[in-house]
Amino acid sequence: EPMKHPQPHSRIYHGRVMHRRLGPFAYRFAYPVFSFLLDIDRLDDCAARCRLFSHNRANLFAFHDRDHGARDGSPLRPWVERHLARQGIDVDGGQIQLLCFPRLFGFTFNPLSIWYCRHRSGALAAVLCEVHNTFGESHSYLLHDGGRPLRGPVRAAQHKCFHVSPFMPMDLRYRFRLSPPGAALNLAIRCFRNDALTMAAAQTGSALPFSDAALLRTLARTPLMTFKVVAMIHWQALKLLLRRARLFRKPEPPAQEVTPCSART
């Protein structure tokens, strides 16, 4: 039985996403976004408190289990715990929160979703970075230190093993840096090729309580955010094509769903 947790177990983050590419075609863009931080054991409770949010049902804002994890609508906690167990990590029913873009008017696309996995004691035991590409594929990087508590900013590095953009090669190395979400949200991923920085992405934000009033404010600030995320991806791709950027063929996705990464704090 999952451990009961004090409020707040869910939040809304208003902030910005920034992408910067350094070469061979340099560009930088940033745009406003919002994310939900959801306790995966309390999704129905969250939906019961808010008229504008639903779990596995259509609404103005919604969260569908099939958009994450195994992506077949199966329960999320067993999927996460199975991958934690493969690395010898047992959170003993501790809280698991998912940071993601929700469905807005029934549509969403999550380039990156982040699962914060805490032990029953409350200590952060692992962070799972779930990456989706526009080809309908996904892969996750599991940041952990053998189950030992991760305090402060979590840092990890791993070779890229999943195709995301046709304009980026596979021979890259990721460096992750993220802080457990609180009043503020801060996460960054940098890509290196032969020790040279080639791309950087970051998301920042400030927390709001999860309520209908906050959802209405969110809608007023970014009314078509999930659509804009996909539009921006294709707009940037078009600009690179017009500049005759090199295209890299998409390889088959990794056979395994999750790649472990050694993390430090």
C-alpha atoms as a PDB file:
ATOM      1  CA  GLU A   1       0.000   0.000   0.000  1.00  0.00           C
ATOM      2  CA  PRO A   2       1.562   3.331  -1.045  1.00  0.00           C
ATOM      3  CA  MET A   3       2.508   5.627   1.797  1.00  0.00           C
ATOM      4  CA  LYS A   4       0.178   8.544   2.541  1.00  0.00           C
ATOM      5  CA  HIS A   5       1.771  11.924   1.926  1.00  0.00           C
ATOM      6  CA  PRO A   6       1.086  15.415   3.208  1.00  0.00           C
ATOM      7  CA  GLN A   7      -0.092  18.181   0.911  1.00  0.00           C
ATOM      8  CA  PRO A   8       0.850  19.524  -1.518  1.00  0.00           C
ATOM      9  CA  HIS A   9       1.100  16.375  -3.614  1.00  0.00           C
ATOM     10  CA  SER A  10       0.366  18.164  -6.911  1.00  0.00           C
ATOM     11  CA  ARG A  11       1.415  21.530  -8.300  1.00  0.00           C
ATOM     12  CA  ILE A  12       1.298  23.616 -11.464  1.00  0.00           C
ATOM     13  CA  TYR A  13       4.507  25.237 -12.677  1.00  0.00           C
ATOM     14  CA  HIS A  14       4.451  28.341 -14.874  1.00  0.00           C
ATOM     15  CA  GLY A  15       7.756  28.999 -16.581  1.00  0.00           C
ATOM     16  CA  ARG A  16       9.818  28.830 -19.744  1.00  0.00           C
ATOM     17  CA  VAL A  17      11.604  26.308 -21.916  1.00  0.00           C
ATOM     18  CA  MET A  18      14.850  27.356 -23.581  1.00  0.00           C
ATOM     19  CA  HIS A  19      16.770  25.606 -26.359  1.00  0.00           C
ATOM     20  CA  ARG A  20      20.164  26.705 -27.600  1.00  0.00           C
ATOM     21  CA  ARG A  21      22.161  25.086 -30.389  1.00  0.00           C
ATOM     22  CA  LEU A  22      25.793  26.077 -30.863  1.00  0.00           C
ATOM     23  CA  GLY A  23      26.703  24.574 -34.188  1.00  0.00           C
ATOM     24  CA  PRO A  24      27.017  24.183 -37.054  1.00  0.00           C
ATOM     25  CA  PHE A  25      23.895  26.372 -37.148  1.00  0.00           C
ATOM     26  CA  ALA A  26      23.593  28.438 -34.007  1.00  0.00           C
ATOM     27  CA  TYR A  27      20.193  29.476 -32.704  1.00  0.00           C
ATOM     28  CA  ARG A  28      18.357  30.092 -29.462  1.00  0.00           C
ATOM     29  CA  PHE A  29      14.669  30.191 -28.679  1.00  0.00           C
ATOM     30  CA  ALA A  30      12.524  30.277 -25.553  1.00  0.00           C
ATOM     31  CA  TYR A  31       8.797  30.129 -24.991  1.00  0.00           C
ATOM     32  CA  PRO A  32       6.382  30.053 -22.044  1.00  0.00           C
ATOM     33  CA  VAL A  33       5.103  26.683 -20.839  1.00  0.00           C
ATOM     34  CA  PHE A  34       3.306  25.167 -17.897  1.00  0.00           C
ATOM     35  CA  SER A  35       3.799  21.728 -16.373  1.00  0.00           C
ATOM     36  CA  PHE A  36       1.890  19.635 -13.879  1.00  0.00           C
ATOM     37  CA  LEU A  37       3.622  17.850 -11.015  1.00  0.00           C
ATOM     38  CA  LEU A  38       1.316  14.948 -10.134  1.00  0.00           C
ATOM     39  CA  ASP A  39       1.442  12.279  -7.443  1.00  0.00           C
ATOM     40  CA  ILE A  40       0.698   9.176  -9.516  1.00  0.00           C
ATOM     41  CA  ASP A  41      -1.172   7.563  -6.589  1.00  0.00           C
ATOM     42  CA  ARG A  42      -3.477  10.564  -6.160  1.00  0.00           C
ATOM     43  CA  LEU A  43      -4.560  11.304  -9.702  1.00  0.00           C
ATOM     44  CA  ASP A  44      -8.191  10.457  -8.974  1.00  0.00           C
ATOM     45  CA  ASP A  45      -8.123  12.561  -5.793  1.00  0.00           C
ATOM     46  CA  CYS A  46      -6.739  15.465  -7.787  1.00  0.00           C
ATOM     47  CA  ALA A  47      -9.456  15.070 -10.416  1.00  0.00           C
ATOM     48  CA  ALA A  48     -12.155  14.891  -7.741  1.00  0.00           C
ATOM     49  CA  ARG A  49     -11.049  18.272  -6.338  1.00  0.00           C
ATOM     50  CA  CYS A  50     -10.943  20.088  -9.703  1.00  0.00           C
ATOM     51  CA  ARG A  51     -13.749  20.380 -12.218  1.00  0.00           C
ATOM     52  CA  LEU A  52     -11.347  21.362 -14.993  1.00  0.00           C
ATOM     53  CA  PHE A  53      -9.020  18.337 -14.609  1.00  0.00           C
ATOM     54  CA  SER A  54      -9.744  14.663 -15.236  1.00  0.00           C
ATOM     55  CA  HIS A  55      -7.853  11.382 -15.011  1.00  0.00           C
ATOM     56  CA  ASN A  56      -8.290   9.097 -18.027  1.00  0.00           C
ATOM     57  CA  ARG A  57     -11.327  11.094 -19.166  1.00  0.00           C
ATOM     58  CA  ALA A  58     -11.810  14.033 -21.503  1.00  0.00           C
ATOM     59  CA  ASN A  59     -11.719  17.495 -19.961  1.00  0.00           C
ATOM     60  CA  LEU A  60     -10.165  20.899 -20.518  1.00  0.00           C
ATOM     61  CA  PHE A  61      -7.049  19.559 -18.731  1.00  0.00           C
ATOM     62  CA  ALA A  62      -6.486  15.816 -18.444  1.00  0.00           C
ATOM     63  CA  PHE A  63      -3.923  13.180 -17.604  1.00  0.00           C
ATOM     64  CA  HIS A  64      -4.085   9.815 -19.376  1.00  0.00           C
ATOM     65  CA  ASP A  65      -2.050   6.861 -18.132  1.00  0.00           C
ATOM     66  CA  ARG A  66      -1.447   5.707 -21.718  1.00  0.00           C
ATOM     67  CA  ASP A  67       0.638   8.815 -22.435  1.00  0.00           C
ATOM     68  CA  HIS A  68       3.409   7.617 -20.100  1.00  0.00           C
ATOM     69  CA  GLY A  69       5.248   4.555 -18.832  1.00  0.00           C
ATOM     70  CA  ALA A  70       4.328   1.437 -20.784  1.00  0.00           C
ATOM     71  CA  ARG A  71       1.951   3.673 -22.801  1.00  0.00           C
ATOM     72  CA  ASP A  72      -0.751   1.022 -22.866  1.00  0.00           C
ATOM     73  CA  GLY A  73      -2.976   2.428 -20.136  1.00  0.00           C
ATOM     74  CA  SER A  74      -1.656   0.037 -17.491  1.00  0.00           C
ATOM     75  CA  PRO A  75      -1.042   1.322 -13.926  1.00  0.00           C
ATOM     76  CA  LEU A  76       1.996   3.566 -13.683  1.00  0.00           C
ATOM     77  CA  ARG A  77       3.473   2.633 -10.292  1.00  0.00           C
ATOM     78  CA  PRO A  78       4.220  -1.035 -11.165  1.00  0.00           C
ATOM     79  CA  TRP A  79       5.986   0.093 -14.348  1.00  0.00           C
ATOM     80  CA  VAL A  80       8.233   2.516 -12.455  1.00  0.00           C
ATOM     81  CA  GLU A  81       8.905   0.122  -9.583  1.00  0.00           C
ATOM     82  CA  ARG A  82       9.834  -2.660 -12.014  1.00  0.00           C
ATOM     83  CA  HIS A  83      12.563  -0.514 -13.530  1.00  0.00           C
ATOM     84  CA  LEU A  84      13.748   0.663 -10.117  1.00  0.00           C
ATOM     85  CA  ALA A  85      13.948  -2.954  -8.926  1.00  0.00           C
ATOM     86  CA  ARG A  86      16.193  -3.861 -11.861  1.00  0.00           C
ATOM     87  CA  GLN A  87      18.728  -1.459 -10.373  1.00  0.00           C
ATOM     88  CA  GLY A  88      18.225  -2.811  -6.859  1.00  0.00           C
ATOM     89  CA  ILE A  89      16.103   0.146  -5.721  1.00  0.00           C
ATOM     90  CA  ASP A  90      13.070  -0.335  -3.465  1.00  0.00           C
ATOM     91  CA  VAL A  91      11.184   2.834  -2.515  1.00  0.00           C
ATOM     92  CA  ASP A  92       8.942   0.871  -0.106  1.00  0.00           C
ATOM     93  CA  GLY A  93       5.726   2.506  -1.306  1.00  0.00           C
ATOM     94  CA  GLY A  94       7.203   5.998  -1.253  1.00  0.00           C
ATOM     95  CA  GLN A  95       5.838   8.904  -3.239  1.00  0.00           C
ATOM     96  CA  ILE A  96       6.316   9.001  -7.003  1.00  0.00           C
ATOM     97  CA  GLN A  97       5.596  12.323  -8.704  1.00  0.00           C
ATOM     98  CA  LEU A  98       5.518  12.914 -12.458  1.00  0.00           C
ATOM     99  CA  LEU A  99       6.384  16.274 -14.016  1.00  0.00           C
ATOM    100  CA  CYS A 100       4.770  16.542 -17.442  1.00  0.00           C
ATOM    101  CA  PHE A 101       2.668  18.515 -19.870  1.00  0.00           C
ATOM    102  CA  PRO A 102      -0.989  17.488 -19.437  1.00  0.00           C
ATOM    103  CA  ARG A 103      -3.500  17.062 -22.184  1.00  0.00           C
ATOM    104  CA  LEU A 104      -5.036  20.399 -23.074  1.00  0.00           C
ATOM    105  CA  PHE A 105      -8.224  20.213 -25.148  1.00  0.00           C
ATOM    106  CA  GLY A 106      -7.374  16.515 -25.516  1.00  0.00           C
ATOM    107  CA  PHE A 107      -3.885  16.984 -26.976  1.00  0.00           C
ATOM    108  CA  THR A 108      -0.389  16.722 -25.574  1.00  0.00           C
ATOM    109  CA  PHE A 109       3.180  15.946 -26.544  1.00  0.00           C
ATOM    110  CA  ASN A 110       5.913  15.546 -23.932  1.00  0.00           C
ATOM    111  CA  PRO A 111       9.467  15.848 -25.243  1.00  0.00           C
ATOM    112  CA  LEU A 112      10.566  15.132 -21.661  1.00  0.00           C
ATOM    113  CA  SER A 113       8.663  13.876 -18.619  1.00  0.00           C
ATOM    114  CA  ILE A 114      10.393  13.441 -15.274  1.00  0.00           C
ATOM    115  CA  TRP A 115       9.508  10.972 -12.524  1.00  0.00           C
ATOM    116  CA  TYR A 116      10.727  11.837  -9.016  1.00  0.00           C
ATOM    117  CA  CYS A 117      10.849   8.631  -6.970  1.00  0.00           C
ATOM    118  CA  ARG A 118      11.063   8.979  -3.189  1.00  0.00           C
ATOM    119  CA  HIS A 119      11.617   6.370  -0.524  1.00  0.00           C
ATOM    120  CA  ARG A 120       8.985   5.966   2.182  1.00  0.00           C
ATOM    121  CA  SER A 121      11.324   8.048   4.379  1.00  0.00           C
ATOM    122  CA  GLY A 122      10.845  10.977   1.981  1.00  0.00           C
ATOM    123  CA  ALA A 123      14.388  10.864   0.563  1.00  0.00           C
ATOM    124  CA  LEU A 124      14.723  11.150  -3.202  1.00  0.00           C
ATOM    125  CA  ALA A 125      15.939   7.734  -4.402  1.00  0.00           C
ATOM    126  CA  ALA A 126      15.896   8.096  -8.193  1.00  0.00           C
ATOM    127  CA  VAL A 127      14.871  10.329 -11.070  1.00  0.00           C
ATOM    128  CA  LEU A 128      13.549   8.839 -14.300  1.00  0.00           C
ATOM    129  CA  CYS A 129      13.806  11.061 -17.396  1.00  0.00           C
ATOM    130  CA  GLU A 130      11.315   9.825 -19.985  1.00  0.00           C
ATOM    131  CA  VAL A 131      12.070  11.118 -23.497  1.00  0.00           C
ATOM    132  CA  HIS A 132       9.565  11.060 -26.365  1.00  0.00           C
ATOM    133  CA  ASN A 133      10.320  11.759 -30.010  1.00  0.00           C
ATOM    134  CA  THR A 134       7.937  12.825 -32.762  1.00  0.00           C
ATOM    135  CA  PHE A 135       8.033   9.326 -34.261  1.00  0.00           C
ATOM    136  CA  GLY A 136       5.894   7.916 -31.459  1.00  0.00           C
ATOM    137  CA  GLU A 137       8.824   6.316 -29.635  1.00  0.00           C
ATOM    138  CA  SER A 138      10.051   6.770 -26.071  1.00  0.00           C
ATOM    139  CA  HIS A 139      13.047   5.883 -23.932  1.00  0.00           C
ATOM    140  CA  SER A 140      14.008   6.685 -20.345  1.00  0.00           C
ATOM    141  CA  TYR A 141      17.239   7.465 -18.495  1.00  0.00           C
ATOM    142  CA  LEU A 142      17.225   6.415 -14.832  1.00  0.00           C
ATOM    143  CA  LEU A 143      19.383   8.650 -12.627  1.00  0.00           C
ATOM    144  CA  HIS A 144      20.288   6.974  -9.337  1.00  0.00           C
ATOM    145  CA  ASP A 145      23.019   6.203  -6.833  1.00  0.00           C
ATOM    146  CA  GLY A 146      22.065   2.651  -5.959  1.00  0.00           C
ATOM    147  CA  GLY A 147      19.089   3.856  -3.962  1.00  0.00           C
ATOM    148  CA  ARG A 148      21.133   6.153  -1.727  1.00  0.00           C
ATOM    149  CA  PRO A 149      19.470   9.534  -1.104  1.00  0.00           C
ATOM    150  CA  LEU A 150      19.911  12.173  -3.799  1.00  0.00           C
ATOM    151  CA  ARG A 151      20.197  15.579  -2.143  1.00  0.00           C
ATOM    152  CA  GLY A 152      20.458  18.955  -3.810  1.00  0.00           C
ATOM    153  CA  PRO A 153      20.909  19.251  -7.574  1.00  0.00           C
ATOM    154  CA  VAL A 154      21.120  15.804  -9.157  1.00  0.00           C
ATOM    155  CA  ARG A 155      23.854  15.441 -11.765  1.00  0.00           C
ATOM    156  CA  ALA A 156      24.446  12.562 -14.176  1.00  0.00           C
ATOM    157  CA  ALA A 157      26.016  11.872 -17.552  1.00  0.00           C
ATOM    158  CA  GLN A 158      25.166   9.237 -20.151  1.00  0.00           C
ATOM    159  CA  HIS A 159      25.799   8.524 -23.806  1.00  0.00           C
ATOM    160  CA  LYS A 160      22.847   9.276 -26.045  1.00  0.00           C
ATOM    161  CA  CYS A 161      21.139   6.031 -27.027  1.00  0.00           C
ATOM    162  CA  PHE A 162      17.767   7.222 -28.344  1.00  0.00           C
ATOM    163  CA  HIS A 163      17.058   9.215 -31.504  1.00  0.00           C
ATOM    164  CA  VAL A 164      15.251  12.482 -30.835  1.00  0.00           C
ATOM    165  CA  SER A 165      15.981  14.971 -33.623  1.00  0.00           C
ATOM    166  CA  PRO A 166      17.013  14.200 -37.231  1.00  0.00           C
ATOM    167  CA  PHE A 167      19.391  17.166 -36.982  1.00  0.00           C
ATOM    168  CA  MET A 168      21.391  15.711 -34.095  1.00  0.00           C
ATOM    169  CA  PRO A 169      23.776  12.728 -34.369  1.00  0.00           C
ATOM    170  CA  MET A 170      23.807   9.772 -32.004  1.00  0.00           C
ATOM    171  CA  ASP A 171      27.449  10.154 -30.913  1.00  0.00           C
ATOM    172  CA  LEU A 172      26.583  12.634 -28.171  1.00  0.00           C
ATOM    173  CA  ARG A 173      26.848  12.579 -24.407  1.00  0.00           C
ATOM    174  CA  TYR A 174      24.144  14.026 -22.180  1.00  0.00           C
ATOM    175  CA  ARG A 175      24.794  15.845 -18.943  1.00  0.00           C
ATOM    176  CA  PHE A 176      21.762  16.171 -16.690  1.00  0.00           C
ATOM    177  CA  ARG A 177      21.355  18.675 -13.877  1.00  0.00           C
ATOM    178  CA  LEU A 178      18.072  19.005 -12.032  1.00  0.00           C
ATOM    179  CA  SER A 179      16.778  19.932  -8.627  1.00  0.00           C
ATOM    180  CA  PRO A 180      13.859  18.283  -6.835  1.00  0.00           C
ATOM    181  CA  PRO A 181      10.839  20.489  -7.570  1.00  0.00           C
ATOM    182  CA  GLY A 182       9.720  22.795  -4.804  1.00  0.00           C
ATOM    183  CA  ALA A 183       8.667  26.432  -4.940  1.00  0.00           C
ATOM    184  CA  ALA A 184      10.851  26.676  -8.064  1.00  0.00           C
ATOM    185  CA  LEU A 185      11.550  24.312 -10.942  1.00  0.00           C
ATOM    186  CA  ASN A 186      15.030  24.072 -12.471  1.00  0.00           C
ATOM    187  CA  LEU A 187      16.274  21.426 -14.872  1.00  0.00           C
ATOM    188  CA  ALA A 188      18.855  21.413 -17.639  1.00  0.00           C
ATOM    189  CA  ILE A 189      20.254  18.960 -20.166  1.00  0.00           C
ATOM    190  CA  ARG A 190      23.382  19.687 -22.171  1.00  0.00           C
ATOM    191  CA  CYS A 191      24.683  17.688 -25.145  1.00  0.00           C
ATOM    192  CA  PHE A 192      28.383  17.284 -25.829  1.00  0.00           C
ATOM    193  CA  ARG A 193      30.190  15.900 -28.870  1.00  0.00           C
ATOM    194  CA  ASN A 194      33.880  15.178 -28.339  1.00  0.00           C
ATOM    195  CA  ASP A 195      33.733  17.333 -25.163  1.00  0.00           C
ATOM    196  CA  ALA A 196      32.363  20.301 -27.108  1.00  0.00           C
ATOM    197  CA  LEU A 197      28.973  21.665 -26.107  1.00  0.00           C
ATOM    198  CA  THR A 198      26.565  21.368 -29.058  1.00  0.00           C
ATOM    199  CA  MET A 199      23.135  21.917 -27.519  1.00  0.00           C
ATOM    200  CA  ALA A 200      21.573  23.001 -24.237  1.00  0.00           C
ATOM    201  CA  ALA A 201      17.987  22.853 -23.046  1.00  0.00           C
ATOM    202  CA  ALA A 202      16.491  24.104 -19.795  1.00  0.00           C
ATOM    203  CA  GLN A 203      13.133  24.496 -18.113  1.00  0.00           C
ATOM    204  CA  THR A 204      12.435  26.843 -15.231  1.00  0.00           C
ATOM    205  CA  GLY A 205       9.239  27.685 -13.410  1.00  0.00           C
ATOM    206  CA  SER A 206       7.421  28.794 -10.272  1.00  0.00           C
ATOM    207  CA  ALA A 207       4.866  26.703  -8.402  1.00  0.00           C
ATOM    208  CA  LEU A 208       1.160  27.343  -7.997  1.00  0.00           C
ATOM    209  CA  PRO A 209      -1.242  25.230  -5.926  1.00  0.00           C
ATOM    210  CA  PHE A 210      -3.294  22.786  -7.967  1.00  0.00           C
ATOM    211  CA  SER A 211      -6.805  24.257  -8.110  1.00  0.00           C
ATOM    212  CA  ASP A 212      -9.489  25.280 -10.596  1.00  0.00           C
ATOM    213  CA  ALA A 213      -8.542  28.929 -10.085  1.00  0.00           C
ATOM    214  CA  ALA A 214      -4.910  28.195 -10.946  1.00  0.00           C
ATOM    215  CA  LEU A 215      -5.993  26.116 -13.956  1.00  0.00           C
ATOM    216  CA  LEU A 216      -8.032  29.057 -15.267  1.00  0.00           C
ATOM    217  CA  ARG A 217      -5.027  31.365 -14.824  1.00  0.00           C
ATOM    218  CA  THR A 218      -2.903  28.813 -16.659  1.00  0.00           C
ATOM    219  CA  LEU A 219      -5.356  28.653 -19.551  1.00  0.00           C
ATOM    220  CA  ALA A 220      -5.452  32.449 -19.796  1.00  0.00           C
ATOM    221  CA  ARG A 221      -1.636  32.714 -19.890  1.00  0.00           C
ATOM    222  CA  THR A 222      -0.925  29.872 -22.335  1.00  0.00           C
ATOM    223  CA  PRO A 223      -4.223  28.886 -24.006  1.00  0.00           C
ATOM    224  CA  LEU A 224      -2.777  26.547 -26.661  1.00  0.00           C
ATOM    225  CA  MET A 225       0.489  25.536 -25.024  1.00  0.00           C
ATOM    226  CA  THR A 226       0.559  21.833 -25.944  1.00  0.00           C
ATOM    227  CA  PHE A 227      -0.165  22.647 -29.588  1.00  0.00           C
ATOM    228  CA  LYS A 228       2.534  25.305 -29.569  1.00  0.00           C
ATOM    229  CA  VAL A 229       5.146  22.812 -28.325  1.00  0.00           C
ATOM    230  CA  VAL A 230       4.673  20.659 -31.426  1.00  0.00           C
ATOM    231  CA  ALA A 231       4.408  23.713 -33.690  1.00  0.00           C
ATOM    232  CA  MET A 232       7.715  25.075 -32.357  1.00  0.00           C
ATOM    233  CA  ILE A 233       9.460  21.723 -32.934  1.00  0.00           C
ATOM    234  CA  HIS A 234       8.379  21.683 -36.580  1.00  0.00           C
ATOM    235  CA  TRP A 235       9.033  25.403 -37.105  1.00  0.00           C
ATOM    236  CA  GLN A 236      12.612  25.044 -35.876  1.00  0.00           C
ATOM    237  CA  ALA A 237      13.028  21.942 -38.055  1.00  0.00           C
ATOM    238  CA  LEU A 238      11.819  23.861 -41.098  1.00  0.00           C
ATOM    239  CA  LYS A 239      14.310  26.673 -40.441  1.00  0.00           C
ATOM    240  CA  LEU A 240      17.142  24.138 -40.196  1.00  0.00           C
ATOM    241  CA  LEU A 241      16.039  22.469 -43.425  1.00  0.00           C
ATOM    242  CA  LEU A 242      16.040  25.835 -45.193  1.00  0.00           C
ATOM    243  CA  ARG A 243      19.597  26.364 -43.952  1.00  0.00           C
ATOM    244  CA  ARG A 244      20.453  22.925 -45.350  1.00  0.00           C
ATOM    245  CA  ALA A 245      21.408  21.426 -42.053  1.00  0.00           C
ATOM    246  CA  ARG A 246      22.622  17.853 -42.216  1.00  0.00           C
ATOM    247  CA  LEU A 247      20.014  15.149 -41.633  1.00  0.00           C
ATOM    248  CA  PHE A 248      20.796  11.990 -39.676  1.00  0.00           C
ATOM    249  CA  ARG A 249      18.935   8.756 -40.347  1.00  0.00           C
ATOM    250  CA  LYS A 250      16.764   7.475 -37.526  1.00  0.00           C
ATOM    251  CA  PRO A 251      18.113   4.233 -36.023  1.00  0.00           C
ATOM    252  CA  GLU A 252      15.961   1.628 -34.353  1.00  0.00           C
ATOM    253  CA  PRO A 253      15.133   2.511 -30.733  1.00  0.00           C
ATOM    254  CA  PRO A 254      17.028   0.679 -27.981  1.00  0.00           C
ATOM    255  CA  ALA A 255      15.792  -2.805 -27.126  1.00  0.00           C
ATOM    256  CA  GLN A 256      15.589  -1.871 -23.448  1.00  0.00           C
ATOM    257  CA  GLU A 257      13.077   0.696 -22.187  1.00  0.00           C
ATOM    258  CA  VAL A 258      15.407   2.288 -19.644  1.00  0.00           C
ATOM    259  CA  THR A 259      19.112   3.162 -19.561  1.00  0.00           C
ATOM    260  CA  PRO A 260      20.610   3.501 -16.052  1.00  0.00           C
ATOM    261  CA  CYS A 261      22.814   6.509 -15.250  1.00  0.00           C
ATOM    262  CA  SER A 262      25.081   6.936 -12.265  1.00  0.00           C
ATOM    263  CA  ALA A 263      23.983  10.075 -10.434  1.00  0.00           C
ATOM    264  CA  ARG A 264      25.699  12.303  -7.890  1.00  0.00           C
ATOM    265  CA  THR A 265      24.651  15.314  -5.838  1.00  0.00           C
END
